[in-house]
């Protein structure tokens, strides 16, 4: 063989090796078919799950409605609970006012003047109000009038009856 033939053979061998390397690194036709099969498999699974999701959508909606109804019921009960607590608090406060007023002899029309947040505050204010009213009442008390005459309107045992006295007036 000549040198030229050897160079050509060696170039051909190198080209063949490069082609073989390219074929080894290139995806064989079977791998392409595997990819297509894999994509088809996932597409089928996606459609299956999509169908299942559409079937379950009404059930999920019903579940949401029930949860909302239950939540609304819970919110309604919480509102009622808060109203009851407020009513109990107002009743307790009114009881404290009544007790303080009764202890210090205040009339019902003076209850509106008793204010405070605690039983002690109401008690203290009732005490002050009662003291102020007592002082004012003593200052404005009318002076005592003349003493009543015990003989006035008193009839002696031997005196005439009312009918006789009436008849005596007309006889005159």
C-alpha atoms as a PDB file:
ATOM      1  CA  UNK A   1       0.000   0.000   0.000  1.00  0.00           C
ATOM      2  CA  UNK A   2       1.086   3.351  -0.738  1.00  0.00           C
ATOM      3  CA  UNK A   3       1.253   6.183   1.556  1.00  0.00           C
ATOM      4  CA  UNK A   4      -1.603   7.800  -0.101  1.00  0.00           C
ATOM      5  CA  UNK A   5      -3.791   4.776   0.317  1.00  0.00           C
ATOM      6  CA  UNK A   6      -2.773   4.469   3.943  1.00  0.00           C
ATOM      7  CA  UNK A   7      -3.671   8.115   4.574  1.00  0.00           C
ATOM      8  CA  UNK A   8      -6.993   7.617   2.849  1.00  0.00           C
ATOM      9  CA  UNK A   9      -7.646   4.443   4.817  1.00  0.00           C
ATOM     10  CA  UNK A  10      -6.659   6.127   8.034  1.00  0.00           C
ATOM     11  CA  UNK A  11      -8.915   9.117   7.211  1.00  0.00           C
ATOM     12  CA  UNK A  12     -11.740   6.779   6.403  1.00  0.00           C
ATOM     13  CA  UNK A  13     -11.196   4.958   9.668  1.00  0.00           C
ATOM     14  CA  UNK A  14     -11.190   8.196  11.564  1.00  0.00           C
ATOM     15  CA  UNK A  15     -14.390   9.271   9.806  1.00  0.00           C
ATOM     16  CA  UNK A  16     -15.895   5.909  10.637  1.00  0.00           C
ATOM     17  CA  UNK A  17     -14.927   6.280  14.281  1.00  0.00           C
ATOM     18  CA  UNK A  18     -16.441   9.749  14.378  1.00  0.00           C
ATOM     19  CA  UNK A  19     -19.627   8.424  12.803  1.00  0.00           C
ATOM     20  CA  UNK A  20     -19.735   5.643  15.349  1.00  0.00           C
ATOM     21  CA  UNK A  21     -19.239   8.133  18.164  1.00  0.00           C
ATOM     22  CA  UNK A  22     -22.020  10.267  16.760  1.00  0.00           C
ATOM     23  CA  UNK A  23     -24.288   7.274  16.497  1.00  0.00           C
ATOM     24  CA  UNK A  24     -23.488   6.350  20.094  1.00  0.00           C
ATOM     25  CA  UNK A  25     -24.241   9.843  21.351  1.00  0.00           C
ATOM     26  CA  UNK A  26     -27.277  10.302  19.120  1.00  0.00           C
ATOM     27  CA  UNK A  27     -30.600   9.001  20.383  1.00  0.00           C
ATOM     28  CA  UNK A  28     -31.337   5.712  18.726  1.00  0.00           C
ATOM     29  CA  UNK A  29     -34.725   5.343  17.055  1.00  0.00           C
ATOM     30  CA  UNK A  30     -35.873   3.059  19.861  1.00  0.00           C
ATOM     31  CA  UNK A  31     -35.223   5.795  22.474  1.00  0.00           C
ATOM     32  CA  UNK A  32     -37.372   8.184  20.441  1.00  0.00           C
ATOM     33  CA  UNK A  33     -40.192   5.674  20.480  1.00  0.00           C
ATOM     34  CA  UNK A  34     -39.772   5.279  24.256  1.00  0.00           C
ATOM     35  CA  UNK A  35     -40.110   9.019  24.713  1.00  0.00           C
ATOM     36  CA  UNK A  36     -43.264   9.094  22.633  1.00  0.00           C
ATOM     37  CA  UNK A  37     -44.623   6.152  24.618  1.00  0.00           C
ATOM     38  CA  UNK A  38     -43.765   7.885  27.881  1.00  0.00           C
ATOM     39  CA  UNK A  39     -45.511  11.090  26.732  1.00  0.00           C
ATOM     40  CA  UNK A  40     -48.563   9.103  25.664  1.00  0.00           C
ATOM     41  CA  UNK A  41     -48.616   7.345  29.037  1.00  0.00           C
ATOM     42  CA  UNK A  42     -48.533  10.655  30.935  1.00  0.00           C
ATOM     43  CA  UNK A  43     -51.159  12.170  28.639  1.00  0.00           C
ATOM     44  CA  UNK A  44     -53.444   9.199  29.344  1.00  0.00           C
ATOM     45  CA  UNK A  45     -52.878   9.558  33.099  1.00  0.00           C
ATOM     46  CA  UNK A  46     -53.612  13.300  32.908  1.00  0.00           C
ATOM     47  CA  UNK A  47     -56.878  12.667  31.069  1.00  0.00           C
ATOM     48  CA  UNK A  48     -57.819   9.986  33.600  1.00  0.00           C
ATOM     49  CA  UNK A  49     -57.185  12.353  36.527  1.00  0.00           C
ATOM     50  CA  UNK A  50     -58.980  15.202  34.757  1.00  0.00           C
ATOM     51  CA  UNK A  51     -62.046  12.994  34.294  1.00  0.00           C
ATOM     52  CA  UNK A  52     -61.873  11.941  37.937  1.00  0.00           C
ATOM     53  CA  UNK A  53     -61.577  15.594  39.043  1.00  0.00           C
ATOM     54  CA  UNK A  54     -64.654  16.491  36.984  1.00  0.00           C
ATOM     55  CA  UNK A  55     -66.557  13.625  38.624  1.00  0.00           C
ATOM     56  CA  UNK A  56     -65.526  14.783  42.103  1.00  0.00           C
ATOM     57  CA  UNK A  57     -66.127  18.508  41.515  1.00  0.00           C
ATOM     58  CA  UNK A  58     -69.804  18.387  42.660  1.00  0.00           C
ATOM     59  CA  UNK A  59     -68.796  16.492  45.802  1.00  0.00           C
ATOM     60  CA  UNK A  60     -66.072  19.055  46.533  1.00  0.00           C
ATOM     61  CA  UNK A  61     -68.563  21.888  46.034  1.00  0.00           C
ATOM     62  CA  UNK A  62     -71.042  20.199  48.380  1.00  0.00           C
ATOM     63  CA  UNK A  63     -68.285  19.791  50.964  1.00  0.00           C
ATOM     64  CA  UNK A  64     -67.456  23.507  50.703  1.00  0.00           C
ATOM     65  CA  UNK A  65     -71.136  24.363  51.150  1.00  0.00           C
ATOM     66  CA  UNK A  66     -71.389  22.165  54.237  1.00  0.00           C
ATOM     67  CA  UNK A  67     -68.237  23.691  55.696  1.00  0.00           C
ATOM     68  CA  UNK A  68     -69.614  27.166  55.023  1.00  0.00           C
ATOM     69  CA  UNK A  69     -72.938  26.233  56.630  1.00  0.00           C
ATOM     70  CA  UNK A  70     -71.119  24.837  59.626  1.00  0.00           C
ATOM     71  CA  UNK A  71     -68.935  27.919  59.787  1.00  0.00           C
ATOM     72  CA  UNK A  72     -72.003  30.132  59.604  1.00  0.00           C
ATOM     73  CA  UNK A  73     -73.586  28.106  62.396  1.00  0.00           C
ATOM     74  CA  UNK A  74     -70.433  28.550  64.455  1.00  0.00           C
ATOM     75  CA  UNK A  75     -70.384  32.288  63.789  1.00  0.00           C
ATOM     76  CA  UNK A  76     -74.095  32.503  64.701  1.00  0.00           C
ATOM     77  CA  UNK A  77     -73.481  30.665  67.958  1.00  0.00           C
ATOM     78  CA  UNK A  78     -70.504  32.886  68.744  1.00  0.00           C
ATOM     79  CA  UNK A  79     -72.705  35.939  68.183  1.00  0.00           C
ATOM     80  CA  UNK A  80     -75.352  34.558  70.512  1.00  0.00           C
ATOM     81  CA  UNK A  81     -72.681  33.792  73.102  1.00  0.00           C
ATOM     82  CA  UNK A  82     -71.346  37.346  72.944  1.00  0.00           C
ATOM     83  CA  UNK A  83     -74.885  38.759  73.245  1.00  0.00           C
ATOM     84  CA  UNK A  84     -75.520  36.576  76.295  1.00  0.00           C
ATOM     85  CA  UNK A  85     -72.279  37.729  77.896  1.00  0.00           C
ATOM     86  CA  UNK A  86     -73.237  41.355  77.270  1.00  0.00           C
ATOM     87  CA  UNK A  87     -76.701  40.836  78.753  1.00  0.00           C
ATOM     88  CA  UNK A  88     -75.233  39.106  81.803  1.00  0.00           C
ATOM     89  CA  UNK A  89     -72.753  41.940  82.271  1.00  0.00           C
ATOM     90  CA  UNK A  90     -75.507  44.566  82.049  1.00  0.00           C
ATOM     91  CA  UNK A  91     -77.686  42.626  84.512  1.00  0.00           C
ATOM     92  CA  UNK A  92     -74.790  42.326  86.959  1.00  0.00           C
ATOM     93  CA  UNK A  93     -74.125  46.063  86.715  1.00  0.00           C
ATOM     94  CA  UNK A  94     -77.813  46.868  87.262  1.00  0.00           C
ATOM     95  CA  UNK A  95     -77.862  44.577  90.305  1.00  0.00           C
ATOM     96  CA  UNK A  96     -74.876  46.416  91.767  1.00  0.00           C
ATOM     97  CA  UNK A  97     -76.631  49.770  91.233  1.00  0.00           C
ATOM     98  CA  UNK A  98     -79.836  48.535  92.875  1.00  0.00           C
ATOM     99  CA  UNK A  99     -77.994  47.135  95.874  1.00  0.00           C
ATOM    100  CA  UNK A 100     -75.967  50.316  96.392  1.00  0.00           C
ATOM    101  CA  UNK A 101     -79.103  52.456  96.149  1.00  0.00           C
ATOM    102  CA  UNK A 102     -81.030  50.300  98.638  1.00  0.00           C
ATOM    103  CA  UNK A 103     -78.172  50.225 101.138  1.00  0.00           C
ATOM    104  CA  UNK A 104     -78.013  54.011 101.206  1.00  0.00           C
ATOM    105  CA  UNK A 105     -81.757  54.687 101.006  1.00  0.00           C
ATOM    106  CA  UNK A 106     -81.828  56.232  97.507  1.00  0.00           C
ATOM    107  CA  UNK A 107     -85.036  56.341  95.491  1.00  0.00           C
ATOM    108  CA  UNK A 108     -85.450  54.638  92.117  1.00  0.00           C
ATOM    109  CA  UNK A 109     -85.447  57.975  90.292  1.00  0.00           C
ATOM    110  CA  UNK A 110     -81.895  58.577  91.538  1.00  0.00           C
ATOM    111  CA  UNK A 111     -80.496  55.346  90.045  1.00  0.00           C
ATOM    112  CA  UNK A 112     -79.535  57.108  86.829  1.00  0.00           C
ATOM    113  CA  UNK A 113     -77.063  59.216  88.805  1.00  0.00           C
ATOM    114  CA  UNK A 114     -75.217  56.152  90.065  1.00  0.00           C
ATOM    115  CA  UNK A 115     -72.444  55.458  87.577  1.00  0.00           C
ATOM    116  CA  UNK A 116     -69.323  53.362  87.778  1.00  0.00           C
ATOM    117  CA  UNK A 117     -67.678  50.271  86.377  1.00  0.00           C
ATOM    118  CA  UNK A 118     -67.305  48.190  89.516  1.00  0.00           C
ATOM    119  CA  UNK A 119     -69.397  47.401  92.554  1.00  0.00           C
ATOM    120  CA  UNK A 120     -67.004  49.392  94.756  1.00  0.00           C
ATOM    121  CA  UNK A 121     -67.311  52.519  92.585  1.00  0.00           C
ATOM    122  CA  UNK A 122     -71.100  52.314  92.644  1.00  0.00           C
ATOM    123  CA  UNK A 123     -71.105  51.811  96.406  1.00  0.00           C
ATOM    124  CA  UNK A 124     -68.849  54.841  96.929  1.00  0.00           C
ATOM    125  CA  UNK A 125     -70.940  57.070  94.669  1.00  0.00           C
ATOM    126  CA  UNK A 126     -74.176  55.961  96.338  1.00  0.00           C
ATOM    127  CA  UNK A 127     -72.672  56.847  99.712  1.00  0.00           C
ATOM    128  CA  UNK A 128     -71.660  60.334  98.487  1.00  0.00           C
ATOM    129  CA  UNK A 129     -75.049  60.924  96.855  1.00  0.00           C
ATOM    130  CA  UNK A 130     -76.929  59.862  99.997  1.00  0.00           C
ATOM    131  CA  UNK A 131     -74.755  62.126 102.168  1.00  0.00           C
ATOM    132  CA  UNK A 132     -75.332  65.123  99.865  1.00  0.00           C
ATOM    133  CA  UNK A 133     -79.085  64.534  99.812  1.00  0.00           C
ATOM    134  CA  UNK A 134     -79.227  64.183 103.620  1.00  0.00           C
ATOM    135  CA  UNK A 135     -77.301  67.433 104.118  1.00  0.00           C
ATOM    136  CA  UNK A 136     -79.555  69.298 101.687  1.00  0.00           C
ATOM    137  CA  UNK A 137     -82.720  67.891 103.281  1.00  0.00           C
ATOM    138  CA  UNK A 138     -81.608  69.057 106.731  1.00  0.00           C
ATOM    139  CA  UNK A 139     -80.861  72.539 105.392  1.00  0.00           C
ATOM    140  CA  UNK A 140     -84.232  72.879 103.675  1.00  0.00           C
ATOM    141  CA  UNK A 141     -86.387  71.371 106.416  1.00  0.00           C
ATOM    142  CA  UNK A 142     -89.192  73.759 107.289  1.00  0.00           C
ATOM    143  CA  UNK A 143     -89.086  75.198 110.764  1.00  0.00           C
ATOM    144  CA  UNK A 144     -91.435  73.494 113.128  1.00  0.00           C
ATOM    145  CA  UNK A 145     -94.878  75.120 113.219  1.00  0.00           C
ATOM    146  CA  UNK A 146     -97.046  75.770 116.255  1.00  0.00           C
ATOM    147  CA  UNK A 147     -97.728  72.808 118.452  1.00  0.00           C
ATOM    148  CA  UNK A 148    -101.123  71.224 117.886  1.00  0.00           C
ATOM    149  CA  UNK A 149    -103.889  72.106 120.392  1.00  0.00           C
ATOM    150  CA  UNK A 150    -104.981  68.878 122.040  1.00  0.00           C
ATOM    151  CA  UNK A 151    -108.345  70.330 123.063  1.00  0.00           C
ATOM    152  CA  UNK A 152    -109.324  71.324 119.575  1.00  0.00           C
ATOM    153  CA  UNK A 153    -111.842  68.942 118.046  1.00  0.00           C
ATOM    154  CA  UNK A 154    -112.256  67.149 121.319  1.00  0.00           C
ATOM    155  CA  UNK A 155    -115.798  66.738 122.607  1.00  0.00           C
ATOM    156  CA  UNK A 156    -116.562  66.412 126.298  1.00  0.00           C
ATOM    157  CA  UNK A 157    -118.546  63.403 127.422  1.00  0.00           C
ATOM    158  CA  UNK A 158    -121.689  65.373 128.142  1.00  0.00           C
ATOM    159  CA  UNK A 159    -121.662  67.393 124.906  1.00  0.00           C
ATOM    160  CA  UNK A 160    -124.203  67.024 122.157  1.00  0.00           C
ATOM    161  CA  UNK A 161    -123.781  64.671 119.261  1.00  0.00           C
ATOM    162  CA  UNK A 162    -123.016  65.895 115.751  1.00  0.00           C
ATOM    163  CA  UNK A 163    -126.648  65.596 114.710  1.00  0.00           C
ATOM    164  CA  UNK A 164    -127.754  67.684 117.672  1.00  0.00           C
ATOM    165  CA  UNK A 165    -125.141  70.327 116.888  1.00  0.00           C
ATOM    166  CA  UNK A 166    -126.382  70.439 113.262  1.00  0.00           C
ATOM    167  CA  UNK A 167    -129.961  70.845 114.328  1.00  0.00           C
ATOM    168  CA  UNK A 168    -128.939  73.638 116.714  1.00  0.00           C
ATOM    169  CA  UNK A 169    -127.517  75.627 113.815  1.00  0.00           C
ATOM    170  CA  UNK A 170    -130.826  75.608 111.970  1.00  0.00           C
ATOM    171  CA  UNK A 171    -132.852  76.443 115.042  1.00  0.00           C
ATOM    172  CA  UNK A 172    -131.236  79.747 115.483  1.00  0.00           C
END
